[in-house]
Amino acid sequence: MADTIEVLVEGGKATPGQPLGPALGPLGVNIPQVVAEINNKTKAFDGMKVPVKIIVDPKTKDFEIKVGTPPTASLITKELGIERGSGSAKTVKVGDMSIDQVIKVAQMKGDSLLGKDLKNQALEVIGTCTSMGVTIEGKDPRSIRIDILDGKFDQNFA
C-alpha cells in the first residue's frame, strides 16, 4: 500500500526542510529528487501556495507527484497584481479583468472547475470575481455573465 503525503508549497520554491523533509525522511525516498520534481511541476505557480500530493511506494521507493491548482481567488489576485479581494465586494472594487484574463484563469484551473467547457468554467471564475470585488471589462461581473450567456463573447471562446 502506498503512502500519501499532502503538503502546501510555494510554487517553484519547495525545499528539503519543513514540511517536506520530515514527512519524506521516514519513507526513505530521495528527498532532493522529490523536491526538484515538485519545483519543476509547480514553477508556473510562482508566488502562490500550491497543494501537492506525493504518493510513495514503500517497497520500491518510487514516487509520484500530483500537483493541484491554487484557489481561483489566488489566481485572480496574481493576474491582477493585487494583494487580496475586497472586504466589501458590493461597494469597493479592487481591480478590473479583461475577458481574456478570465479565460486564462479558467484554463489554469482546468479540470478542477466543474464547468463542462471553457465558457462554463469562465462563468465560475466570474462568480469568484463577483465575491472579490473585481469588475470585468469595466462592468459588474453579473452583467458580463449575462453577456456571455447571450453569446456576446463567443469569439473569445473559439
C-alpha atoms as a PDB file:
ATOM      1  CA  MET A   1       0.000   0.000   0.000  1.00  0.00           C
ATOM      2  CA  ALA A   2       1.373   3.399  -0.999  1.00  0.00           C
ATOM      3  CA  ASP A   3       1.963   6.186   1.491  1.00  0.00           C
ATOM      4  CA  THR A   4       0.488   9.568   0.588  1.00  0.00           C
ATOM      5  CA  ILE A   5       1.731  12.915   1.832  1.00  0.00           C
ATOM      6  CA  GLU A   6      -0.211  16.103   1.164  1.00  0.00           C
ATOM      7  CA  VAL A   7       1.534  19.459   1.559  1.00  0.00           C
ATOM      8  CA  LEU A   8       1.067  23.074   0.570  1.00  0.00           C
ATOM      9  CA  VAL A   9       4.201  24.560  -1.016  1.00  0.00           C
ATOM     10  CA  GLU A  10       5.069  27.847  -2.663  1.00  0.00           C
ATOM     11  CA  GLY A  11       5.182  27.326  -6.419  1.00  0.00           C
ATOM     12  CA  GLY A  12       8.695  26.509  -7.630  1.00  0.00           C
ATOM     13  CA  LYS A  13      10.231  27.048  -4.183  1.00  0.00           C
ATOM     14  CA  ALA A  14       9.896  23.766  -2.279  1.00  0.00           C
ATOM     15  CA  THR A  15      12.853  22.938  -0.019  1.00  0.00           C
ATOM     16  CA  PRO A  16      14.027  19.775   1.762  1.00  0.00           C
ATOM     17  CA  GLY A  17      13.146  21.495   5.051  1.00  0.00           C
ATOM     18  CA  GLN A  18       9.675  21.834   6.553  1.00  0.00           C
ATOM     19  CA  PRO A  19       7.164  20.421   5.639  1.00  0.00           C
ATOM     20  CA  LEU A  20       8.685  18.001   3.087  1.00  0.00           C
ATOM     21  CA  GLY A  21      11.873  16.709   4.733  1.00  0.00           C
ATOM     22  CA  PRO A  22      10.354  15.472   8.000  1.00  0.00           C
ATOM     23  CA  ALA A  23       7.434  13.877   6.151  1.00  0.00           C
ATOM     24  CA  LEU A  24       9.541  12.168   3.456  1.00  0.00           C
ATOM     25  CA  GLY A  25      12.564  11.161   5.573  1.00  0.00           C
ATOM     26  CA  PRO A  26      10.975   8.108   7.237  1.00  0.00           C
ATOM     27  CA  LEU A  27       9.838   6.822   3.825  1.00  0.00           C
ATOM     28  CA  GLY A  28      13.409   6.518   2.542  1.00  0.00           C
ATOM     29  CA  VAL A  29      12.914   8.335  -0.771  1.00  0.00           C
ATOM     30  CA  ASN A  30      15.499  10.573  -2.414  1.00  0.00           C
ATOM     31  CA  ILE A  31      14.329  13.901  -0.923  1.00  0.00           C
ATOM     32  CA  PRO A  32      16.343  16.213  -3.247  1.00  0.00           C
ATOM     33  CA  GLN A  33      14.908  14.359  -6.255  1.00  0.00           C
ATOM     34  CA  VAL A  34      11.348  14.751  -4.920  1.00  0.00           C
ATOM     35  CA  VAL A  35      11.925  18.461  -4.197  1.00  0.00           C
ATOM     36  CA  ALA A  36      13.377  19.043  -7.681  1.00  0.00           C
ATOM     37  CA  GLU A  37      10.384  17.387  -9.342  1.00  0.00           C
ATOM     38  CA  ILE A  38       7.921  19.371  -7.211  1.00  0.00           C
ATOM     39  CA  ASN A  39       9.688  22.632  -8.110  1.00  0.00           C
ATOM     40  CA  ASN A  40       9.659  21.725 -11.789  1.00  0.00           C
ATOM     41  CA  LYS A  41       5.939  20.899 -11.748  1.00  0.00           C
ATOM     42  CA  THR A  42       4.946  23.983  -9.718  1.00  0.00           C
ATOM     43  CA  LYS A  43       7.147  26.684 -11.287  1.00  0.00           C
ATOM     44  CA  ALA A  44       4.182  28.081 -13.264  1.00  0.00           C
ATOM     45  CA  PHE A  45       2.554  28.991  -9.935  1.00  0.00           C
ATOM     46  CA  ASP A  46       5.458  31.142  -8.696  1.00  0.00           C
ATOM     47  CA  GLY A  47       4.491  33.164  -5.630  1.00  0.00           C
ATOM     48  CA  MET A  48       1.350  31.119  -4.904  1.00  0.00           C
ATOM     49  CA  LYS A  49       0.691  28.301  -2.457  1.00  0.00           C
ATOM     50  CA  VAL A  50       0.053  25.077  -4.362  1.00  0.00           C
ATOM     51  CA  PRO A  51      -1.384  21.821  -2.978  1.00  0.00           C
ATOM     52  CA  VAL A  52       0.910  18.874  -3.752  1.00  0.00           C
ATOM     53  CA  LYS A  53       0.251  15.178  -3.191  1.00  0.00           C
ATOM     54  CA  ILE A  54       3.260  12.832  -3.041  1.00  0.00           C
ATOM     55  CA  ILE A  55       2.476   9.130  -3.398  1.00  0.00           C
ATOM     56  CA  VAL A  56       5.347   6.863  -2.313  1.00  0.00           C
ATOM     57  CA  ASP A  57       5.633   3.097  -2.801  1.00  0.00           C
ATOM     58  CA  PRO A  58       7.379   1.996   0.425  1.00  0.00           C
ATOM     59  CA  LYS A  59       8.834  -1.162  -1.188  1.00  0.00           C
ATOM     60  CA  THR A  60      10.404   0.308  -4.329  1.00  0.00           C
ATOM     61  CA  LYS A  61      10.802   3.904  -3.035  1.00  0.00           C
ATOM     62  CA  ASP A  62       9.253   5.097  -6.315  1.00  0.00           C
ATOM     63  CA  PHE A  63       7.172   8.242  -6.024  1.00  0.00           C
ATOM     64  CA  GLU A  64       4.510  10.063  -7.982  1.00  0.00           C
ATOM     65  CA  ILE A  65       3.739  13.761  -7.621  1.00  0.00           C
ATOM     66  CA  LYS A  66       0.303  15.200  -8.265  1.00  0.00           C
ATOM     67  CA  VAL A  67       0.005  18.979  -8.286  1.00  0.00           C
ATOM     68  CA  GLY A  68      -3.305  20.664  -7.562  1.00  0.00           C
ATOM     69  CA  THR A  69      -4.104  24.205  -8.578  1.00  0.00           C
ATOM     70  CA  PRO A  70      -4.206  27.220  -6.298  1.00  0.00           C
ATOM     71  CA  PRO A  71      -7.632  28.577  -5.364  1.00  0.00           C
ATOM     72  CA  THR A  72      -9.335  30.611  -8.095  1.00  0.00           C
ATOM     73  CA  ALA A  73      -9.111  33.734  -5.927  1.00  0.00           C
ATOM     74  CA  SER A  74      -5.313  33.344  -5.710  1.00  0.00           C
ATOM     75  CA  LEU A  75      -5.029  33.090  -9.493  1.00  0.00           C
ATOM     76  CA  ILE A  76      -7.183  36.212  -9.887  1.00  0.00           C
ATOM     77  CA  THR A  77      -5.114  38.237  -7.398  1.00  0.00           C
ATOM     78  CA  LYS A  78      -1.893  37.175  -9.158  1.00  0.00           C
ATOM     79  CA  GLU A  79      -3.331  38.013 -12.587  1.00  0.00           C
ATOM     80  CA  LEU A  80      -4.345  41.494 -11.387  1.00  0.00           C
ATOM     81  CA  GLY A  81      -1.271  42.098  -9.237  1.00  0.00           C
ATOM     82  CA  ILE A  82      -3.370  42.843  -6.157  1.00  0.00           C
ATOM     83  CA  GLU A  83      -2.865  41.547  -2.639  1.00  0.00           C
ATOM     84  CA  ARG A  84      -6.404  40.360  -1.963  1.00  0.00           C
ATOM     85  CA  GLY A  85     -10.048  40.795  -2.804  1.00  0.00           C
ATOM     86  CA  SER A  86     -12.340  43.445  -1.422  1.00  0.00           C
ATOM     87  CA  GLY A  87     -13.758  43.130   2.067  1.00  0.00           C
ATOM     88  CA  SER A  88     -16.889  44.889   0.778  1.00  0.00           C
ATOM     89  CA  ALA A  89     -17.335  43.450  -2.712  1.00  0.00           C
ATOM     90  CA  LYS A  90     -20.634  45.246  -3.371  1.00  0.00           C
ATOM     91  CA  THR A  91     -19.235  48.721  -2.809  1.00  0.00           C
ATOM     92  CA  VAL A  92     -15.427  48.547  -3.031  1.00  0.00           C
ATOM     93  CA  LYS A  93     -13.875  47.352  -6.302  1.00  0.00           C
ATOM     94  CA  VAL A  94     -10.225  46.260  -6.207  1.00  0.00           C
ATOM     95  CA  GLY A  95      -9.458  45.595  -9.856  1.00  0.00           C
ATOM     96  CA  ASP A  96     -10.684  45.038 -13.403  1.00  0.00           C
ATOM     97  CA  MET A  97     -10.061  41.976 -15.570  1.00  0.00           C
ATOM     98  CA  SER A  98     -10.434  41.556 -19.298  1.00  0.00           C
ATOM     99  CA  ILE A  99     -12.478  38.641 -20.620  1.00  0.00           C
ATOM    100  CA  ASP A 100      -9.205  37.160 -21.914  1.00  0.00           C
ATOM    101  CA  GLN A 101      -7.751  37.233 -18.382  1.00  0.00           C
ATOM    102  CA  VAL A 102     -10.870  35.443 -17.113  1.00  0.00           C
ATOM    103  CA  ILE A 103     -10.369  32.778 -19.796  1.00  0.00           C
ATOM    104  CA  LYS A 104      -6.669  32.467 -18.868  1.00  0.00           C
ATOM    105  CA  VAL A 105      -7.555  31.821 -15.206  1.00  0.00           C
ATOM    106  CA  ALA A 106     -10.219  29.286 -16.257  1.00  0.00           C
ATOM    107  CA  GLN A 107      -7.626  27.481 -18.395  1.00  0.00           C
ATOM    108  CA  MET A 108      -5.141  27.444 -15.498  1.00  0.00           C
ATOM    109  CA  LYS A 109      -7.764  25.866 -13.247  1.00  0.00           C
ATOM    110  CA  GLY A 110      -8.661  23.392 -15.995  1.00  0.00           C
ATOM    111  CA  ASP A 111     -10.382  20.214 -14.876  1.00  0.00           C
ATOM    112  CA  SER A 112     -10.599  21.296 -11.247  1.00  0.00           C
ATOM    113  CA  LEU A 113     -13.524  23.534 -12.217  1.00  0.00           C
ATOM    114  CA  LEU A 114     -16.928  21.912 -12.587  1.00  0.00           C
ATOM    115  CA  GLY A 115     -17.920  23.545 -15.889  1.00  0.00           C
ATOM    116  CA  LYS A 116     -18.183  21.149 -18.820  1.00  0.00           C
ATOM    117  CA  ASP A 117     -16.494  23.529 -21.253  1.00  0.00           C
ATOM    118  CA  LEU A 118     -14.323  26.645 -21.214  1.00  0.00           C
ATOM    119  CA  LYS A 119     -17.318  29.008 -21.319  1.00  0.00           C
ATOM    120  CA  ASN A 120     -18.892  27.422 -18.222  1.00  0.00           C
ATOM    121  CA  GLN A 121     -15.527  27.330 -16.457  1.00  0.00           C
ATOM    122  CA  ALA A 122     -15.119  31.056 -17.187  1.00  0.00           C
ATOM    123  CA  LEU A 123     -18.548  31.645 -15.628  1.00  0.00           C
ATOM    124  CA  GLU A 124     -17.255  30.002 -12.438  1.00  0.00           C
ATOM    125  CA  VAL A 125     -14.249  32.358 -12.430  1.00  0.00           C
ATOM    126  CA  ILE A 126     -16.633  35.288 -12.925  1.00  0.00           C
ATOM    127  CA  GLY A 127     -18.571  34.151  -9.850  1.00  0.00           C
ATOM    128  CA  THR A 128     -15.360  34.373  -7.834  1.00  0.00           C
ATOM    129  CA  CYS A 129     -14.685  37.849  -9.281  1.00  0.00           C
ATOM    130  CA  THR A 130     -18.123  38.940  -8.053  1.00  0.00           C
ATOM    131  CA  SER A 131     -17.365  37.927  -4.471  1.00  0.00           C
ATOM    132  CA  MET A 132     -13.887  39.512  -4.605  1.00  0.00           C
ATOM    133  CA  GLY A 133     -14.971  42.959  -5.815  1.00  0.00           C
ATOM    134  CA  VAL A 134     -13.343  42.566  -9.242  1.00  0.00           C
ATOM    135  CA  THR A 135     -15.020  44.041 -12.315  1.00  0.00           C
ATOM    136  CA  ILE A 136     -14.714  42.572 -15.809  1.00  0.00           C
ATOM    137  CA  GLU A 137     -14.273  44.804 -18.848  1.00  0.00           C
ATOM    138  CA  GLY A 138     -15.201  47.692 -16.516  1.00  0.00           C
ATOM    139  CA  LYS A 139     -18.628  46.204 -15.751  1.00  0.00           C
ATOM    140  CA  ASP A 140     -20.263  44.297 -12.929  1.00  0.00           C
ATOM    141  CA  PRO A 141     -19.394  40.583 -13.318  1.00  0.00           C
ATOM    142  CA  ARG A 142     -23.092  39.671 -13.204  1.00  0.00           C
ATOM    143  CA  SER A 143     -23.799  41.710 -16.342  1.00  0.00           C
ATOM    144  CA  ILE A 144     -20.782  40.136 -18.092  1.00  0.00           C
ATOM    145  CA  ARG A 145     -22.178  36.721 -17.148  1.00  0.00           C
ATOM    146  CA  ILE A 146     -25.411  37.591 -18.958  1.00  0.00           C
ATOM    147  CA  ASP A 147     -23.420  38.869 -21.961  1.00  0.00           C
ATOM    148  CA  ILE A 148     -21.516  35.566 -22.119  1.00  0.00           C
ATOM    149  CA  LEU A 149     -24.723  33.548 -21.929  1.00  0.00           C
ATOM    150  CA  ASP A 150     -26.172  35.739 -24.716  1.00  0.00           C
ATOM    151  CA  GLY A 151     -23.152  34.896 -26.906  1.00  0.00           C
ATOM    152  CA  LYS A 152     -21.542  38.361 -26.971  1.00  0.00           C
ATOM    153  CA  PHE A 153     -18.086  36.918 -26.209  1.00  0.00           C
ATOM    154  CA  ASP A 154     -18.317  33.702 -28.253  1.00  0.00           C
ATOM    155  CA  GLN A 155     -15.354  34.784 -30.402  1.00  0.00           C
ATOM    156  CA  ASN A 156     -13.156  34.765 -27.265  1.00  0.00           C
ATOM    157  CA  PHE A 157     -14.035  31.132 -26.553  1.00  0.00           C
ATOM    158  CA  ALA A 158     -13.404  29.874 -30.098  1.00  0.00           C
END
